C-alpha atoms as a PDB file:
ATOM      1  CA  MET A   1       0.000   0.000   0.000  1.00  0.00           C
ATOM      2  CA  ASN A   2       1.379   3.387  -1.019  1.00  0.00           C
ATOM      3  CA  GLU A   3       1.553   5.370   2.230  1.00  0.00           C
ATOM      4  CA  MET A   4       1.031   8.599   0.298  1.00  0.00           C
ATOM      5  CA  LEU A   5      -2.402   7.639  -1.009  1.00  0.00           C
ATOM      6  CA  ILE A   6      -5.219   9.970  -0.050  1.00  0.00           C
ATOM      7  CA  THR A   7      -8.972   9.894  -0.550  1.00  0.00           C
ATOM      8  CA  PRO A   8     -10.623  12.632  -2.616  1.00  0.00           C
ATOM      9  CA  ALA A   9     -12.224  13.998   0.576  1.00  0.00           C
ATOM     10  CA  GLY A  10      -8.850  14.030   2.340  1.00  0.00           C
ATOM     11  CA  LEU A  11      -7.288  15.845  -0.599  1.00  0.00           C
ATOM     12  CA  ALA A  12     -10.049  18.445  -0.464  1.00  0.00           C
ATOM     13  CA  ARG A  13      -9.476  18.970   3.299  1.00  0.00           C
ATOM     14  CA  LEU A  14      -5.711  19.478   2.825  1.00  0.00           C
ATOM     15  CA  GLU A  15      -6.236  21.804  -0.136  1.00  0.00           C
ATOM     16  CA  ALA A  16      -8.782  23.842   1.850  1.00  0.00           C
ATOM     17  CA  GLU A  17      -6.368  24.145   4.783  1.00  0.00           C
ATOM     18  CA  LEU A  18      -3.563  25.229   2.451  1.00  0.00           C
ATOM     19  CA  ASP A  19      -5.796  27.820   0.792  1.00  0.00           C
ATOM     20  CA  GLN A  20      -6.901  29.174   4.180  1.00  0.00           C
ATOM     21  CA  LEU A  21      -3.306  29.468   5.399  1.00  0.00           C
ATOM     22  CA  ARG A  22      -2.134  31.155   2.203  1.00  0.00           C
ATOM     23  CA  THR A  23      -4.920  33.738   2.294  1.00  0.00           C
ATOM     24  CA  LYS A  24      -6.526  34.422   5.665  1.00  0.00           C
ATOM     25  CA  GLY A  25      -3.622  33.041   7.709  1.00  0.00           C
ATOM     26  CA  ARG A  26      -0.984  35.140   5.983  1.00  0.00           C
ATOM     27  CA  ARG A  27      -3.207  38.223   6.111  1.00  0.00           C
ATOM     28  CA  GLN A  28      -3.752  37.836   9.874  1.00  0.00           C
ATOM     29  CA  VAL A  29      -0.041  37.337  10.607  1.00  0.00           C
ATOM     30  CA  ALA A  30       0.882  40.332   8.434  1.00  0.00           C
ATOM     31  CA  GLU A  31      -1.597  42.485  10.395  1.00  0.00           C
ATOM     32  CA  ARG A  32      -0.092  41.350  13.717  1.00  0.00           C
ATOM     33  CA  LEU A  33       3.410  42.144  12.449  1.00  0.00           C
ATOM     34  CA  ARG A  34       2.287  45.617  11.279  1.00  0.00           C
ATOM     35  CA  ASP A  35       0.514  46.307  14.568  1.00  0.00           C
ATOM     36  CA  ALA A  36       3.521  45.217  16.618  1.00  0.00           C
ATOM     37  CA  ALA A  37       5.902  47.294  14.489  1.00  0.00           C
ATOM     38  CA  ALA A  38       3.665  50.363  14.742  1.00  0.00           C
ATOM     39  CA  THR A  39       3.529  50.302  18.545  1.00  0.00           C
ATOM     40  CA  GLU A  40       7.243  49.911  19.190  1.00  0.00           C
ATOM     41  CA  ALA A  41      10.080  52.263  18.314  1.00  0.00           C
ATOM     42  CA  ASP A  42      12.568  49.376  18.378  1.00  0.00           C
ATOM     43  CA  VAL A  43      10.900  46.252  16.962  1.00  0.00           C
ATOM     44  CA  THR A  44      13.927  44.109  17.831  1.00  0.00           C
ATOM     45  CA  GLU A  45      13.034  44.580  21.522  1.00  0.00           C
ATOM     46  CA  SER A  46       9.286  44.055  21.090  1.00  0.00           C
ATOM     47  CA  ALA A  47       7.863  40.846  22.571  1.00  0.00           C
ATOM     48  CA  ASP A  48       4.721  41.278  20.468  1.00  0.00           C
ATOM     49  CA  PHE A  49       6.809  41.535  17.310  1.00  0.00           C
ATOM     50  CA  ARG A  50       8.846  38.419  18.219  1.00  0.00           C
ATOM     51  CA  VAL A  51       5.658  36.439  18.874  1.00  0.00           C
ATOM     52  CA  ALA A  52       4.135  37.586  15.574  1.00  0.00           C
ATOM     53  CA  ARG A  53       7.382  36.702  13.775  1.00  0.00           C
ATOM     54  CA  GLU A  54       7.313  33.200  15.332  1.00  0.00           C
ATOM     55  CA  GLU A  55       3.682  32.808  14.216  1.00  0.00           C
ATOM     56  CA  LYS A  56       4.709  33.777  10.686  1.00  0.00           C
ATOM     57  CA  ASP A  57       7.549  31.243  10.713  1.00  0.00           C
ATOM     58  CA  LEU A  58       5.193  28.471  11.926  1.00  0.00           C
ATOM     59  CA  LEU A  59       2.593  29.427   9.333  1.00  0.00           C
ATOM     60  CA  GLU A  60       5.131  29.341   6.495  1.00  0.00           C
ATOM     61  CA  ALA A  61       6.493  25.995   7.728  1.00  0.00           C
ATOM     62  CA  ARG A  62       2.965  24.495   7.715  1.00  0.00           C
ATOM     63  CA  ILE A  63       2.331  25.872   4.218  1.00  0.00           C
ATOM     64  CA  ALA A  64       5.587  24.324   2.963  1.00  0.00           C
ATOM     65  CA  GLN A  65       4.716  21.014   4.652  1.00  0.00           C
ATOM     66  CA  LEU A  66       1.262  20.920   3.042  1.00  0.00           C
ATOM     67  CA  GLU A  67       2.652  21.854  -0.369  1.00  0.00           C
ATOM     68  CA  GLN A  68       5.207  19.041  -0.146  1.00  0.00           C
ATOM     69  CA  ARG A  69       2.652  16.488   1.029  1.00  0.00           C
ATOM     70  CA  LEU A  70       0.206  17.429  -1.692  1.00  0.00           C
ATOM     71  CA  ALA A  71       2.931  17.151  -4.324  1.00  0.00           C
ATOM     72  CA  GLU A  72       3.794  13.634  -3.110  1.00  0.00           C
ATOM     73  CA  THR A  73       0.289  12.242  -2.689  1.00  0.00           C
ATOM     74  CA  GLU A  74      -1.715  10.166  -5.087  1.00  0.00           C
ATOM     75  CA  VAL A  75      -5.504  10.232  -5.005  1.00  0.00           C
ATOM     76  CA  ALA A  76      -6.875   6.750  -4.411  1.00  0.00           C
ATOM     77  CA  GLU A  77      -9.237   5.546  -7.072  1.00  0.00           C
ATOM     78  CA  SER A  78     -12.462   4.046  -5.796  1.00  0.00           C
ATOM     79  CA  ASN A  79     -13.151   0.445  -6.715  1.00  0.00           C
ATOM     80  CA  GLY A  80     -16.848   1.211  -6.567  1.00  0.00           C
ATOM     81  CA  ASP A  81     -19.297  -0.757  -4.491  1.00  0.00           C
ATOM     82  CA  ASN A  82     -17.615  -4.143  -4.826  1.00  0.00           C
ATOM     83  CA  GLY A  83     -18.517  -5.298  -1.314  1.00  0.00           C
ATOM     84  CA  VAL A  84     -14.980  -5.260   0.086  1.00  0.00           C
ATOM     85  CA  ILE A  85     -13.242  -2.712   2.250  1.00  0.00           C
ATOM     86  CA  ASP A  86     -10.969  -0.365   0.351  1.00  0.00           C
ATOM     87  CA  LEU A  87      -9.407   3.026   0.975  1.00  0.00           C
ATOM     88  CA  GLY A  88     -12.098   5.604   1.633  1.00  0.00           C
ATOM     89  CA  GLU A  89     -14.705   3.099   2.807  1.00  0.00           C
ATOM     90  CA  HIS A  90     -16.763   3.700   5.920  1.00  0.00           C
ATOM     91  CA  VAL A  91     -17.045   0.572   8.048  1.00  0.00           C
ATOM     92  CA  ARG A  92     -18.996  -0.435  11.116  1.00  0.00           C
ATOM     93  CA  LEU A  93     -17.311  -2.959  13.380  1.00  0.00           C
ATOM     94  CA  ARG A  94     -18.094  -4.761  16.588  1.00  0.00           C
ATOM     95  CA  ASN A  95     -15.214  -5.307  18.964  1.00  0.00           C
ATOM     96  CA  LEU A  96     -15.872  -8.929  19.892  1.00  0.00           C
ATOM     97  CA  ASP A  97     -13.816  -8.570  23.067  1.00  0.00           C
ATOM     98  CA  THR A  98     -15.878  -5.683  24.473  1.00  0.00           C
ATOM     99  CA  GLY A  99     -19.101  -5.802  22.441  1.00  0.00           C
ATOM    100  CA  VAL A 100     -18.689  -2.130  21.501  1.00  0.00           C
ATOM    101  CA  ARG A 101     -19.740  -1.033  18.001  1.00  0.00           C
ATOM    102  CA  ILE A 102     -17.439   1.444  16.280  1.00  0.00           C
ATOM    103  CA  ASP A 103     -17.462   3.283  12.973  1.00  0.00           C
ATOM    104  CA  TYR A 104     -14.340   4.166  11.028  1.00  0.00           C
ATOM    105  CA  GLN A 105     -13.323   5.399   7.637  1.00  0.00           C
ATOM    106  CA  VAL A 106     -10.198   3.735   6.218  1.00  0.00           C
ATOM    107  CA  VAL A 107      -7.987   6.515   4.834  1.00  0.00           C
ATOM    108  CA  GLY A 108      -4.435   7.329   3.785  1.00  0.00           C
ATOM    109  CA  THR A 109      -1.836   8.182   6.412  1.00  0.00           C
ATOM    110  CA  LEU A 110      -1.992  11.936   5.770  1.00  0.00           C
ATOM    111  CA  GLU A 111      -5.653  12.148   6.689  1.00  0.00           C
ATOM    112  CA  ALA A 112      -5.798   9.680   9.589  1.00  0.00           C
ATOM    113  CA  ASP A 113      -7.431  11.175  12.683  1.00  0.00           C
ATOM    114  CA  LEU A 114      -8.706   8.684  15.227  1.00  0.00           C
ATOM    115  CA  ARG A 115     -10.803  11.317  17.059  1.00  0.00           C
ATOM    116  CA  ALA A 116     -12.616  12.003  13.776  1.00  0.00           C
ATOM    117  CA  GLY A 117     -13.073   8.274  13.108  1.00  0.00           C
ATOM    118  CA  ARG A 118     -10.490   8.064  10.312  1.00  0.00           C
ATOM    119  CA  ILE A 119      -7.927   5.253  10.598  1.00  0.00           C
ATOM    120  CA  SER A 120      -4.900   4.804   8.400  1.00  0.00           C
ATOM    121  CA  ALA A 121      -4.938   1.941   5.934  1.00  0.00           C
ATOM    122  CA  VAL A 122      -1.391   1.113   7.078  1.00  0.00           C
ATOM    123  CA  SER A 123      -2.354   0.861  10.751  1.00  0.00           C
ATOM    124  CA  PRO A 124      -2.749  -2.670  12.128  1.00  0.00           C
ATOM    125  CA  LEU A 125      -6.562  -2.411  12.066  1.00  0.00           C
ATOM    126  CA  GLY A 126      -6.603  -0.727   8.655  1.00  0.00           C
ATOM    127  CA  GLN A 127      -4.383  -3.431   7.167  1.00  0.00           C
ATOM    128  CA  ALA A 128      -6.549  -6.152   8.675  1.00  0.00           C
ATOM    129  CA  LEU A 129      -9.715  -4.627   7.186  1.00  0.00           C
ATOM    130  CA  LEU A 130      -8.566  -4.022   3.602  1.00  0.00           C
ATOM    131  CA  GLY A 131     -10.102  -6.484   1.157  1.00  0.00           C
ATOM    132  CA  ARG A 132     -12.467  -7.955   3.751  1.00  0.00           C
ATOM    133  CA  ARG A 133     -16.271  -8.267   3.580  1.00  0.00           C
ATOM    134  CA  PRO A 134     -19.180  -7.809   6.001  1.00  0.00           C
ATOM    135  CA  GLY A 135     -19.599 -10.788   8.300  1.00  0.00           C
ATOM    136  CA  GLU A 136     -15.877 -11.542   8.437  1.00  0.00           C
ATOM    137  CA  VAL A 137     -13.901 -11.448  11.682  1.00  0.00           C
ATOM    138  CA  VAL A 138     -10.446  -9.863  11.654  1.00  0.00           C
ATOM    139  CA  LEU A 139      -7.715 -10.300  14.225  1.00  0.00           C
ATOM    140  CA  VAL A 140      -5.528  -7.320  15.074  1.00  0.00           C
ATOM    141  CA  ASP A 141      -2.290  -7.572  17.005  1.00  0.00           C
ATOM    142  CA  ALA A 142      -2.523  -4.561  19.346  1.00  0.00           C
ATOM    143  CA  PRO A 143      -0.190  -3.468  22.137  1.00  0.00           C
ATOM    144  CA  GLY A 144      -2.576  -4.947  24.716  1.00  0.00           C
ATOM    145  CA  GLY A 145      -2.883  -8.244  22.865  1.00  0.00           C
ATOM    146  CA  VAL A 146      -4.860  -9.604  19.937  1.00  0.00           C
ATOM    147  CA  ARG A 147      -8.227  -7.893  19.361  1.00  0.00           C
ATOM    148  CA  ARG A 148     -11.113  -9.403  17.389  1.00  0.00           C
ATOM    149  CA  PHE A 149     -13.448  -7.310  15.249  1.00  0.00           C
ATOM    150  CA  LYS A 150     -16.478  -8.396  13.250  1.00  0.00           C
ATOM    151  CA  ILE A 151     -17.252  -6.337  10.155  1.00  0.00           C
ATOM    152  CA  LEU A 152     -20.924  -5.389  10.350  1.00  0.00           C
ATOM    153  CA  ARG A 153     -21.260  -2.967   7.430  1.00  0.00           C
ATOM    154  CA  ILE A 154     -19.394  -1.266   4.638  1.00  0.00           C
ATOM    155  CA  ASP A 155     -20.921   2.124   3.829  1.00  0.00           C
ATOM    156  CA  GLY A 156     -24.645   1.391   3.586  1.00  0.00           C
ATOM    157  CA  ALA A 157     -24.342  -2.326   2.855  1.00  0.00           C
ATOM    158  CA  HIS A 158     -25.757  -4.409   5.699  1.00  0.00           C
ATOM    159  CA  ALA A 159     -23.941  -7.471   6.818  1.00  0.00           C
ATOM    160  CA  ALA A 160     -25.289 -10.619   8.308  1.00  0.00           C
ATOM    161  CA  ALA A 161     -24.746  -9.813  11.989  1.00  0.00           C
END
């Protein structure tokens, strides 16, 4: 699996962030730098100016990082509704060890965000899910031991529970 694959939705999120940083972000930092420079006779001694300068440096570093990542990524092509889990698919699982149902989207590494329910396809769970179908049980070697998950659904397709 190419670790630089990204879903179309993930690409759109990164492009939107980059656009926001290039426009609104740069404008806001420039205003803070102007304000700090206007209030101090010696900007080299101004704490406000140093903070604004650090913000600018962080902003430009994030812009460069996003530009590089976007240049290196490849948008994952959807295999359509073929009944198996692929990059970009939303899945519903049941943790057979706890009984808890969980929903995830399997995504590329750049867009993984566990709090948002997006797991990387190269994570242990993501790797175990790829190519599998509803009704199947996958085993995942986790730090706390092997975990068992039953695939209940892919997108809107219902599985035999």
